Amino acid sequence: MPQTVKGVIARSKGADVELVDVVVPDPGPGEAVVAVQACGVCHTDLHYREGGINDEFPFLLGHEAAGVVEAVGEGVTEVAPGDFVVLNWRAVCGLCRACLKGRPWYCFATHNATQKMTLTDGTELTPALGIGAFVEKTLVAAGQCTRVDPDADAAAVGLLGCGVMAGFGAAVNTGGVGRGDSVAVIGCGGVGNAAIAGANVAGATTIVAVDVDDRKLEQARRFGATHTVNSAQQDPVEAIRELTGGHGADVVVEAVGRPETYEQAFYARDLAGTVVLVGVPTPDKQVTLPMIDVFGRGGSLKSSWYGDCLPSRDFPMLVDLYRQGRFDLDAFVSERVGLGDVEAAFAKMEKGEVLRSVVVLEEAGA
């Protein structure tokens, strides 16, 4: 039978979020119901609240989550009740042209649950990134569930569901950072610091963190940055070149999504180097570069979709690194809050006071 649980919604553009009753249907074919244990508060959730994604209100917010599978629908073989899982927002189809070419991380037909969660009056909810995890239980496509080590802390590993995976993958999967490389990361929020951590794990020897906030730069050192540059006080392009023998970095990760920082990334890379855009720009942003420089500098200009990750491959590996003490996911968790604290967490995030607030359901009275 359908269940009624507590969840956090954005009812209209710019309005404070609300804690309401949410009706979760029984899982249908290919679906799973997951009891959410923890969910990170991501900028994307704020973008949904502000109408920056689309206008399909009301939204059931939350998407960086981990929990336990409670029930599965017909035909589900990927997971079973009792499995501890991290949720992802790109369930691979296995049948599109990208999947059939052996590149499932580019899957062009990712999917979500078919059924809708609703308010008690029947109003259909739009789950953030097809997940909607600021809720005690959520309905997802079974392919959005990835089994990981059940002894891992849900508040930490749930962050792999979005920001941490996006940043780590931007450096390692998209950027191809390897041993001895020099790397610069522009923008040291959660995604940027994850890129720094990824570059560190991959063996980069010079890792330059760039931001306008000294607090974030200090955090970046904890994740593996060897040098920091406050771009409000010095030219980041000149600084990165100086720190890389006058050449520029082998890989520059842009984790801001603005034209000026993308241009900095373009000119801060070495000849034949790689720029990776993982910061999400708004639709109005445009960048203009001289074509002779695009040609003459060579290399690659790449965009990173969700860190070009394959959850079934990458999530368990990163959880193993975390459990071994080689990837500090705990450092991303700035505070643990309850379901009723999401609006306050948004305010802290906007002020740059936290890397991630994480909603922990046990503390919300679930």
Protein backbone atom coordinates (compact mmCIF):
# COMPACT_ATOMS: atom_id res chain seq x y z
CA MET A 1 0.00 0.00 0.00
CA PRO A 2 1.14 3.61 -0.56
CA GLN A 3 2.90 5.20 2.39
CA THR A 4 2.61 8.74 3.73
CA VAL A 5 5.91 10.19 4.93
CA LYS A 6 7.44 13.57 5.69
CA GLY A 7 9.30 15.43 2.94
CA VAL A 8 10.55 18.89 1.94
CA ILE A 9 9.04 20.62 -1.08
CA ALA A 10 9.44 23.89 -2.95
CA ARG A 11 5.86 24.90 -3.71
CA SER A 12 6.54 28.01 -5.78
CA LYS A 13 9.42 30.07 -7.14
CA GLY A 14 11.49 31.73 -4.44
CA ALA A 15 9.21 30.67 -1.58
CA ASP A 16 10.64 29.09 1.56
CA VAL A 17 10.60 25.31 1.47
CA GLU A 18 7.90 23.43 3.38
CA LEU A 19 7.88 20.20 5.39
CA VAL A 20 4.77 18.33 4.26
CA ASP A 21 3.19 14.89 3.98
CA VAL A 22 4.25 13.02 0.83
CA VAL A 23 2.53 9.92 -0.56
CA VAL A 24 4.96 7.29 -1.85
CA PRO A 25 3.41 4.56 -4.02
CA ASP A 26 4.43 0.93 -3.95
CA PRO A 27 7.23 0.28 -6.46
CA GLY A 28 6.12 -0.72 -9.93
CA PRO A 29 8.13 -2.62 -12.54
CA GLY A 30 11.74 -1.49 -12.52
CA GLU A 31 11.27 0.71 -9.44
CA ALA A 32 12.44 0.70 -5.83
CA VAL A 33 11.40 2.40 -2.60
CA VAL A 34 14.38 3.54 -0.55
CA ALA A 35 14.33 4.55 3.13
CA VAL A 36 16.56 7.61 3.03
CA GLN A 37 19.18 7.84 5.77
CA ALA A 38 21.00 11.01 4.70
CA CYS A 39 20.87 13.59 1.93
CA GLY A 40 23.23 16.48 1.17
CA VAL A 41 22.00 20.02 0.60
CA CYS A 42 23.29 20.92 -2.88
CA HIS A 43 23.21 24.17 -4.88
CA THR A 44 21.08 22.37 -7.45
CA ASP A 45 18.27 22.06 -4.89
CA LEU A 46 18.42 25.81 -4.38
CA HIS A 47 18.31 26.31 -8.16
CA TYR A 48 15.13 24.23 -8.23
CA ARG A 49 13.57 26.38 -5.50
CA GLU A 50 14.48 29.53 -7.40
CA GLY A 51 13.01 28.24 -10.68
CA GLY A 52 16.42 28.02 -12.28
CA ILE A 53 15.95 24.46 -13.58
CA ASN A 54 12.35 24.53 -14.82
CA ASP A 55 8.93 25.61 -13.61
CA GLU A 56 7.44 22.19 -12.85
CA PHE A 57 6.48 23.09 -9.26
CA PRO A 58 6.00 21.73 -6.68
CA PHE A 59 9.42 20.10 -6.41
CA LEU A 60 10.35 17.37 -3.97
CA LEU A 61 13.89 18.51 -3.21
CA GLY A 62 17.06 16.56 -2.39
CA HIS A 63 19.16 14.22 -4.52
CA GLU A 64 22.59 13.53 -2.89
CA ALA A 65 21.45 10.59 -0.84
CA ALA A 66 22.11 7.19 0.66
CA GLY A 67 19.72 4.78 2.30
CA VAL A 68 18.36 1.25 2.45
CA VAL A 69 16.16 -0.40 -0.16
CA GLU A 70 12.81 -1.19 1.41
CA ALA A 71 10.95 -2.73 -1.52
CA VAL A 72 11.41 -3.41 -5.23
CA GLY A 73 9.02 -3.83 -8.12
CA GLU A 74 8.62 -6.52 -10.72
CA GLY A 75 11.71 -7.40 -12.75
CA VAL A 76 14.23 -5.67 -10.49
CA THR A 77 17.49 -7.58 -10.19
CA GLU A 78 20.02 -4.81 -9.51
CA VAL A 79 19.12 -4.45 -5.83
CA ALA A 80 17.06 -6.19 -3.17
CA PRO A 81 15.35 -5.15 0.07
CA GLY A 82 17.96 -4.51 2.75
CA ASP A 83 20.70 -3.30 0.39
CA PHE A 84 22.53 -0.13 1.45
CA VAL A 85 22.68 2.10 -1.62
CA VAL A 86 23.84 5.47 -2.88
CA LEU A 87 21.33 7.10 -5.22
CA ASN A 88 22.35 8.49 -8.60
CA TRP A 89 20.42 10.64 -11.04
CA ARG A 90 21.61 8.93 -14.24
CA ALA A 91 20.20 5.41 -14.41
CA VAL A 92 21.93 3.88 -17.44
CA CYS A 93 19.57 2.41 -20.03
CA GLY A 94 21.98 -0.10 -21.60
CA LEU A 95 20.32 0.24 -25.03
CA CYS A 96 21.07 3.70 -26.44
CA ARG A 97 23.84 4.39 -28.96
CA ALA A 98 26.28 5.48 -26.23
CA CYS A 99 25.66 2.35 -24.15
CA LEU A 100 25.94 0.10 -27.20
CA LYS A 101 29.28 1.70 -28.07
CA GLY A 102 30.60 0.73 -24.63
CA ARG A 103 30.37 4.27 -23.23
CA PRO A 104 27.51 3.96 -20.75
CA TRP A 105 28.71 6.98 -18.73
CA TYR A 106 27.43 9.06 -21.66
CA CYS A 107 24.04 7.28 -21.71
CA PHE A 108 21.63 9.41 -23.73
CA ALA A 109 18.47 7.80 -22.33
CA THR A 110 18.87 7.82 -18.56
CA HIS A 111 15.58 7.33 -16.77
CA ASN A 112 13.70 7.79 -13.51
CA ALA A 113 10.74 6.14 -11.80
CA THR A 114 7.59 6.02 -13.90
CA GLN A 115 5.13 6.63 -11.07
CA LYS A 116 4.81 9.95 -9.29
CA MET A 117 5.00 10.76 -5.62
CA THR A 118 2.23 13.17 -4.59
CA LEU A 119 0.91 15.42 -1.89
CA THR A 120 -2.01 14.03 0.10
CA ASP A 121 -4.46 15.95 -2.14
CA GLY A 122 -3.10 14.13 -5.20
CA THR A 123 -0.87 16.95 -6.51
CA GLU A 124 2.02 15.34 -8.38
CA LEU A 125 5.52 16.21 -7.24
CA THR A 126 8.55 16.69 -9.48
CA PRO A 127 11.51 15.00 -7.76
CA ALA A 128 14.79 16.92 -7.97
CA LEU A 129 17.01 15.22 -10.55
CA GLY A 130 14.51 12.36 -10.62
CA ILE A 131 15.26 11.45 -7.00
CA GLY A 132 13.61 13.71 -4.40
CA ALA A 133 15.42 12.65 -1.25
CA PHE A 134 14.59 15.28 1.38
CA VAL A 135 12.00 12.74 2.44
CA GLU A 136 11.82 9.74 4.73
CA LYS A 137 11.25 7.36 1.83
CA THR A 138 11.54 7.95 -1.91
CA LEU A 139 10.57 6.16 -5.11
CA VAL A 140 13.29 5.81 -7.77
CA ALA A 141 14.17 3.69 -10.77
CA ALA A 142 16.06 0.65 -9.53
CA GLY A 143 18.98 1.63 -11.77
CA GLN A 144 19.38 4.77 -9.68
CA CYS A 145 20.44 2.59 -6.73
CA THR A 146 24.08 1.50 -6.39
CA ARG A 147 25.02 -0.97 -3.68
CA VAL A 148 28.02 0.01 -1.55
CA ASP A 149 29.69 -1.11 1.69
CA PRO A 150 26.93 -1.04 4.35
CA ASP A 151 29.39 -0.05 7.07
CA ALA A 152 30.05 3.32 5.42
CA ASP A 153 28.60 6.51 6.92
CA ALA A 154 25.47 7.43 4.95
CA ALA A 155 26.02 11.17 5.49
CA ALA A 156 29.44 10.96 3.83
CA VAL A 157 28.90 8.47 1.01
CA GLY A 158 25.56 9.95 0.02
CA LEU A 159 27.49 12.96 -1.29
CA LEU A 160 28.79 10.74 -4.09
CA GLY A 161 25.30 11.04 -5.52
CA CYS A 162 26.08 14.43 -7.02
CA GLY A 163 28.71 17.03 -6.08
CA VAL A 164 31.60 14.89 -4.91
CA MET A 165 31.29 12.49 -7.85
CA ALA A 166 30.99 15.39 -10.27
CA GLY A 167 34.21 16.97 -9.03
CA PHE A 168 36.23 13.79 -8.58
CA GLY A 169 35.15 12.53 -11.98
CA ALA A 170 35.85 15.87 -13.68
CA ALA A 171 39.51 15.51 -12.73
CA VAL A 172 39.97 11.76 -13.05
CA ASN A 173 37.44 10.58 -15.64
CA THR A 174 37.01 13.62 -17.88
CA GLY A 175 40.36 15.31 -17.36
CA GLY A 176 42.36 12.10 -17.24
CA VAL A 177 44.65 13.40 -14.49
CA GLY A 178 47.54 11.02 -13.92
CA ARG A 179 50.81 10.61 -12.07
CA GLY A 180 53.04 13.66 -12.15
CA ASP A 181 50.47 15.96 -13.74
CA SER A 182 49.95 19.58 -12.78
CA VAL A 183 46.35 20.55 -12.10
CA ALA A 184 44.55 23.80 -11.35
CA VAL A 185 41.01 23.97 -9.98
CA ILE A 186 39.10 27.22 -10.23
CA GLY A 187 36.29 27.40 -7.67
CA CYS A 188 36.75 25.57 -4.36
CA GLY A 189 33.28 24.68 -3.22
CA GLY A 190 32.21 21.08 -2.80
CA VAL A 191 32.69 20.20 -6.47
CA GLY A 192 36.03 21.98 -6.78
CA ASN A 193 37.41 20.40 -3.63
CA ALA A 194 36.31 16.99 -4.87
CA ALA A 195 38.27 17.66 -8.07
CA ILE A 196 41.29 18.53 -5.93
CA ALA A 197 40.86 15.33 -3.95
CA GLY A 198 40.54 13.34 -7.17
CA ALA A 199 43.71 14.87 -8.61
CA ASN A 200 45.50 14.02 -5.38
CA VAL A 201 44.34 10.40 -5.44
CA ALA A 202 45.34 10.13 -9.12
CA GLY A 203 48.92 11.18 -8.37
CA ALA A 204 49.09 14.81 -9.50
CA THR A 205 52.18 16.46 -8.04
CA THR A 206 51.17 20.11 -8.38
CA ILE A 207 47.58 21.02 -7.49
CA VAL A 208 46.70 24.71 -7.52
CA ALA A 209 43.45 25.80 -5.85
CA VAL A 210 41.94 29.11 -7.02
CA ASP A 211 39.13 31.00 -5.29
CA VAL A 212 38.24 34.46 -4.00
CA ASP A 213 37.58 33.21 -0.45
CA ASP A 214 40.54 32.47 1.83
CA ARG A 215 38.37 30.15 3.94
CA LYS A 216 37.74 27.94 0.93
CA LEU A 217 41.40 28.01 -0.03
CA GLU A 218 42.35 26.80 3.43
CA GLN A 219 39.86 23.94 3.08
CA ALA A 220 41.34 23.11 -0.32
CA ARG A 221 44.68 22.34 1.29
CA ARG A 222 42.98 19.68 3.40
CA PHE A 223 41.85 17.95 0.20
CA GLY A 224 45.30 17.95 -1.34
CA ALA A 225 45.99 21.38 -2.85
CA THR A 226 49.73 22.06 -2.88
CA HIS A 227 49.31 25.76 -3.67
CA THR A 228 46.50 28.31 -3.33
CA VAL A 229 45.71 31.48 -5.27
CA ASN A 230 43.25 34.16 -4.19
CA SER A 231 42.09 35.45 -7.58
CA ALA A 232 40.67 38.60 -6.00
CA GLN A 233 44.22 39.58 -5.08
CA GLN A 234 46.33 38.32 -8.00
CA ASP A 235 45.95 37.29 -11.61
CA PRO A 236 45.17 33.55 -11.48
CA VAL A 237 46.53 32.87 -14.96
CA GLU A 238 49.91 34.39 -14.15
CA ALA A 239 49.96 32.69 -10.76
CA ILE A 240 49.18 29.23 -12.19
CA ARG A 241 51.84 29.64 -14.88
CA GLU A 242 54.40 30.71 -12.31
CA LEU A 243 53.62 27.66 -10.18
CA THR A 244 53.97 25.32 -13.18
CA GLY A 245 57.35 26.35 -14.53
CA GLY A 246 55.93 29.15 -16.66
CA HIS A 247 53.92 26.73 -18.82
CA GLY A 248 50.47 26.40 -17.31
CA ALA A 249 48.74 23.35 -15.86
CA ASP A 250 48.25 20.07 -17.69
CA VAL A 251 44.59 20.03 -16.62
CA VAL A 252 42.48 22.97 -15.47
CA VAL A 253 39.07 22.22 -13.92
CA GLU A 254 36.58 25.09 -14.01
CA ALA A 255 34.08 24.53 -11.20
CA VAL A 256 32.31 27.90 -11.29
CA GLY A 257 30.48 28.07 -14.62
CA ARG A 258 31.14 31.71 -15.49
CA PRO A 259 32.65 33.19 -18.68
CA GLU A 260 35.47 34.99 -16.88
CA THR A 261 36.62 31.94 -14.98
CA TYR A 262 36.35 29.76 -18.07
CA GLU A 263 38.60 32.20 -19.94
CA GLN A 264 41.06 32.03 -17.04
CA ALA A 265 41.01 28.24 -17.27
CA PHE A 266 41.61 28.38 -21.03
CA TYR A 267 44.72 30.54 -20.73
CA ALA A 268 46.01 28.90 -17.53
CA ARG A 269 46.55 25.51 -19.18
CA ASP A 270 49.74 24.37 -20.84
CA LEU A 271 49.97 23.97 -24.61
CA ALA A 272 48.02 20.84 -25.56
CA GLY A 273 46.53 20.87 -22.06
CA THR A 274 42.95 20.14 -21.10
CA VAL A 275 40.18 22.38 -19.78
CA VAL A 276 37.28 20.66 -18.05
CA LEU A 277 34.06 22.59 -17.44
CA VAL A 278 32.11 21.10 -14.54
CA GLY A 279 30.67 24.33 -13.12
CA VAL A 280 27.10 24.67 -14.42
CA PRO A 281 26.47 27.96 -16.27
CA THR A 282 23.10 29.66 -16.46
CA PRO A 283 21.52 29.78 -19.95
CA ASP A 284 22.44 33.44 -20.48
CA LYS A 285 26.20 32.96 -20.08
CA GLN A 286 28.42 33.17 -23.16
CA VAL A 287 32.17 32.96 -23.70
CA THR A 288 34.17 34.46 -26.57
CA LEU A 289 37.67 33.25 -27.43
CA PRO A 290 39.91 34.07 -30.42
CA MET A 291 39.77 31.12 -32.81
CA ILE A 292 43.50 31.41 -33.42
CA ASP A 293 44.07 30.74 -29.72
CA VAL A 294 41.68 27.79 -29.73
CA PHE A 295 43.63 26.37 -32.66
CA GLY A 296 47.11 27.46 -31.63
CA ARG A 297 47.00 26.25 -28.04
CA GLY A 298 45.81 22.78 -29.05
CA GLY A 299 44.62 20.33 -26.46
CA SER A 300 41.04 19.69 -25.39
CA LEU A 301 38.09 21.72 -24.17
CA LYS A 302 35.73 19.33 -22.41
CA SER A 303 32.49 19.38 -20.48
CA SER A 304 32.02 16.89 -17.66
CA TRP A 305 28.59 15.30 -17.27
CA TYR A 306 28.25 14.11 -13.67
CA GLY A 307 32.00 13.52 -13.66
CA ASP A 308 31.51 11.16 -16.65
CA CYS A 309 30.89 8.55 -13.99
CA LEU A 310 29.49 5.06 -14.18
CA PRO A 311 27.90 4.65 -10.72
CA SER A 312 28.17 0.86 -10.69
CA ARG A 313 31.93 1.21 -11.27
CA ASP A 314 32.80 4.43 -9.46
CA PHE A 315 30.65 4.52 -6.33
CA PRO A 316 31.91 1.25 -4.78
CA MET A 317 35.50 2.17 -5.68
CA LEU A 318 35.26 5.57 -4.02
CA VAL A 319 33.57 4.10 -0.95
CA ASP A 320 36.45 1.62 -0.70
CA LEU A 321 38.95 4.48 -0.89
CA TYR A 322 36.97 6.27 1.81
CA ARG A 323 36.90 3.22 4.07
CA GLN A 324 40.67 2.81 3.57
CA GLY A 325 41.31 6.41 4.66
CA ARG A 326 42.54 7.44 1.21
CA PHE A 327 39.61 9.70 0.25
CA ASP A 328 38.29 11.94 3.03
CA LEU A 329 34.56 12.11 2.40
CA ASP A 330 33.97 13.09 6.03
CA ALA A 331 35.71 16.40 5.34
CA PHE A 332 32.89 17.43 3.01
CA VAL A 333 30.28 17.13 5.79
CA SER A 334 30.17 20.53 7.48
CA GLU A 335 27.10 19.84 9.62
CA ARG A 336 24.30 17.35 10.13
CA VAL A 337 20.78 18.76 10.26
CA GLY A 338 17.18 17.62 10.26
CA LEU A 339 14.47 17.74 7.59
CA GLY A 340 13.12 20.94 9.11
CA ASP A 341 16.46 22.72 8.71
CA VAL A 342 16.77 22.78 4.90
CA GLU A 343 15.89 26.47 4.48
CA ALA A 344 18.53 27.46 7.07
CA ALA A 345 21.03 25.20 5.31
CA PHE A 346 20.36 27.04 2.03
CA ALA A 347 21.20 30.34 3.74
CA LYS A 348 24.50 28.97 5.06
CA MET A 349 25.37 27.58 1.65
CA GLU A 350 24.72 30.92 -0.05
CA LYS A 351 27.02 32.66 2.45
CA GLY A 352 29.81 30.14 1.81
CA GLU A 353 29.74 28.98 5.42
CA VAL A 354 29.56 25.25 4.63
CA LEU A 355 30.82 22.74 2.09
CA ARG A 356 27.79 20.54 2.68
CA SER A 357 25.01 20.51 5.20
CA VAL A 358 23.65 16.97 5.31
CA VAL A 359 20.10 16.13 6.28
CA VAL A 360 20.18 13.05 8.51
CA LEU A 361 16.78 11.44 8.77
CA GLU A 362 17.28 9.89 12.21
CA GLU A 363 17.80 13.41 13.52
CA ALA A 364 14.65 14.56 11.76
CA GLY A 365 12.50 12.21 13.80
CA ALA A 366 12.08 9.62 11.08
